[in-house]
Amino acid sequence: MSKETVRIEMCPHCRGAHAYQLEVERANIIKVLRTHKKGEKPSRVKVCPHFVCPVRNEQYQVSLYLQDTSSDRIRAVSVIGLVEGTE
């Protein structure tokens, strides 16, 4: 699992900016690389995690795009919480 930070520039509840830490679970797929796959570019996968506004304590959902490759597929995304000092 990896951790990634996202910043929501305008919260729908308080209109403030908040930064959250996400936990991204990926399925590592082992396969033989073919010559035409070596230059594979990562694709963007849409995820829609639920966040909580720290000011109003109300939940909201945001669509985000994370990078994904054929050997490193996204399985699950969960919100760990706010990044310290960004409320």
C-alpha atoms as a PDB file:
ATOM      1  CA  MET A   1       0.000   0.000   0.000  1.00  0.00           C
ATOM      2  CA  SER A   2       1.147   3.497  -0.747  1.00  0.00           C
ATOM      3  CA  LYS A   3       0.211   6.858   0.696  1.00  0.00           C
ATOM      4  CA  GLU A   4      -0.622   9.843  -1.471  1.00  0.00           C
ATOM      5  CA  THR A   5      -1.590  13.400  -0.567  1.00  0.00           C
ATOM      6  CA  VAL A   6      -4.392  15.287  -2.312  1.00  0.00           C
ATOM      7  CA  ARG A   7      -5.435  18.886  -1.856  1.00  0.00           C
ATOM      8  CA  ILE A   8      -9.061  19.919  -2.199  1.00  0.00           C
ATOM      9  CA  GLU A   9      -8.937  23.594  -3.204  1.00  0.00           C
ATOM     10  CA  MET A  10     -12.572  24.412  -2.421  1.00  0.00           C
ATOM     11  CA  CYS A  11     -14.523  22.394   0.131  1.00  0.00           C
ATOM     12  CA  PRO A  12     -18.252  22.366  -0.764  1.00  0.00           C
ATOM     13  CA  HIS A  13     -19.191  23.001   2.881  1.00  0.00           C
ATOM     14  CA  CYS A  14     -16.811  25.736   4.101  1.00  0.00           C
ATOM     15  CA  ARG A  15     -15.204  26.903   0.808  1.00  0.00           C
ATOM     16  CA  GLY A  16     -11.756  26.418   2.367  1.00  0.00           C
ATOM     17  CA  ALA A  17      -8.818  24.330   1.124  1.00  0.00           C
ATOM     18  CA  HIS A  18      -7.955  21.037   2.831  1.00  0.00           C
ATOM     19  CA  ALA A  19      -5.176  18.473   2.268  1.00  0.00           C
ATOM     20  CA  TYR A  20      -5.850  14.793   2.938  1.00  0.00           C
ATOM     21  CA  GLN A  21      -3.705  11.696   2.991  1.00  0.00           C
ATOM     22  CA  LEU A  22      -4.979   8.703   1.025  1.00  0.00           C
ATOM     23  CA  GLU A  23      -4.020   5.068   1.320  1.00  0.00           C
ATOM     24  CA  VAL A  24      -3.894   3.449  -2.117  1.00  0.00           C
ATOM     25  CA  GLU A  25      -3.927  -0.340  -2.336  1.00  0.00           C
ATOM     26  CA  ARG A  26      -2.465  -1.634  -5.566  1.00  0.00           C
ATOM     27  CA  ALA A  27      -2.394  -5.108  -7.083  1.00  0.00           C
ATOM     28  CA  ASN A  28       1.124  -5.751  -8.329  1.00  0.00           C
ATOM     29  CA  ILE A  29       0.838  -7.962 -11.384  1.00  0.00           C
ATOM     30  CA  ILE A  30       3.953  -9.818 -12.444  1.00  0.00           C
ATOM     31  CA  LYS A  31       4.165 -10.467 -16.146  1.00  0.00           C
ATOM     32  CA  VAL A  32       6.669 -10.758 -18.935  1.00  0.00           C
ATOM     33  CA  LEU A  33       7.254  -7.436 -20.658  1.00  0.00           C
ATOM     34  CA  ARG A  34       6.858  -7.486 -24.381  1.00  0.00           C
ATOM     35  CA  THR A  35       8.774  -5.013 -26.485  1.00  0.00           C
ATOM     36  CA  HIS A  36       5.640  -2.978 -27.333  1.00  0.00           C
ATOM     37  CA  LYS A  37       4.676  -2.738 -23.617  1.00  0.00           C
ATOM     38  CA  LYS A  38       8.024  -1.349 -22.398  1.00  0.00           C
ATOM     39  CA  GLY A  39       7.029   2.196 -23.286  1.00  0.00           C
ATOM     40  CA  GLU A  40       3.589   1.924 -21.706  1.00  0.00           C
ATOM     41  CA  LYS A  41       2.298   5.221 -20.360  1.00  0.00           C
ATOM     42  CA  PRO A  42       0.314   5.208 -17.119  1.00  0.00           C
ATOM     43  CA  SER A  43      -3.421   5.683 -17.511  1.00  0.00           C
ATOM     44  CA  ARG A  44      -5.635   7.784 -15.285  1.00  0.00           C
ATOM     45  CA  VAL A  45      -8.240   6.022 -13.151  1.00  0.00           C
ATOM     46  CA  LYS A  46     -11.155   7.903 -11.633  1.00  0.00           C
ATOM     47  CA  VAL A  47     -11.773   7.301  -7.909  1.00  0.00           C
ATOM     48  CA  CYS A  48     -14.448   8.937  -5.724  1.00  0.00           C
ATOM     49  CA  PRO A  49     -13.475   8.799  -2.033  1.00  0.00           C
ATOM     50  CA  HIS A  50     -15.512  10.396   0.758  1.00  0.00           C
ATOM     51  CA  PHE A  51     -13.907  13.241   2.731  1.00  0.00           C
ATOM     52  CA  VAL A  52     -14.991  15.038   5.918  1.00  0.00           C
ATOM     53  CA  CYS A  53     -14.847  18.825   6.182  1.00  0.00           C
ATOM     54  CA  PRO A  54     -12.820  19.643   9.327  1.00  0.00           C
ATOM     55  CA  VAL A  55     -14.706  22.924   9.837  1.00  0.00           C
ATOM     56  CA  ARG A  56     -18.307  21.723   9.560  1.00  0.00           C
ATOM     57  CA  ASN A  57     -17.753  17.984  10.193  1.00  0.00           C
ATOM     58  CA  GLU A  58     -19.834  17.111   7.105  1.00  0.00           C
ATOM     59  CA  GLN A  59     -19.018  14.428   4.564  1.00  0.00           C
ATOM     60  CA  TYR A  60     -18.544  15.090   0.846  1.00  0.00           C
ATOM     61  CA  GLN A  61     -17.339  13.167  -2.188  1.00  0.00           C
ATOM     62  CA  VAL A  62     -14.796  14.289  -4.791  1.00  0.00           C
ATOM     63  CA  SER A  63     -13.751  12.665  -8.074  1.00  0.00           C
ATOM     64  CA  LEU A  64      -9.978  12.285  -8.393  1.00  0.00           C
ATOM     65  CA  TYR A  65      -7.722  10.739 -11.011  1.00  0.00           C
ATOM     66  CA  LEU A  66      -4.803   8.510  -9.960  1.00  0.00           C
ATOM     67  CA  GLN A  67      -2.139   6.907 -12.155  1.00  0.00           C
ATOM     68  CA  ASP A  68      -2.501   3.226 -12.994  1.00  0.00           C
ATOM     69  CA  THR A  69      -0.435   0.828 -15.138  1.00  0.00           C
ATOM     70  CA  SER A  70      -1.076  -2.707 -16.336  1.00  0.00           C
ATOM     71  CA  SER A  71       1.396  -4.052 -13.747  1.00  0.00           C
ATOM     72  CA  ASP A  72       0.289  -1.809 -10.852  1.00  0.00           C
ATOM     73  CA  ARG A  73      -3.529  -1.750 -10.758  1.00  0.00           C
ATOM     74  CA  ILE A  74      -5.458   0.265  -8.177  1.00  0.00           C
ATOM     75  CA  ARG A  75      -7.578  -2.028  -6.012  1.00  0.00           C
ATOM     76  CA  ALA A  76      -8.876   0.325  -3.317  1.00  0.00           C
ATOM     77  CA  VAL A  77      -8.533   3.895  -2.077  1.00  0.00           C
ATOM     78  CA  SER A  78      -9.327   5.060   1.443  1.00  0.00           C
ATOM     79  CA  VAL A  79      -8.979   8.413   3.188  1.00  0.00           C
ATOM     80  CA  ILE A  80      -6.613   8.282   6.183  1.00  0.00           C
ATOM     81  CA  GLY A  81      -7.304  11.844   7.318  1.00  0.00           C
ATOM     82  CA  LEU A  82      -6.162  15.437   7.159  1.00  0.00           C
ATOM     83  CA  VAL A  83      -2.530  16.338   6.641  1.00  0.00           C
ATOM     84  CA  GLU A  84      -1.355  18.110   9.811  1.00  0.00           C
ATOM     85  CA  GLY A  85      -1.241  21.899   9.674  1.00  0.00           C
ATOM     86  CA  THR A  86      -3.401  22.346   6.552  1.00  0.00           C
ATOM     87  CA  GLU A  87      -6.897  22.855   7.993  1.00  0.00           C
END
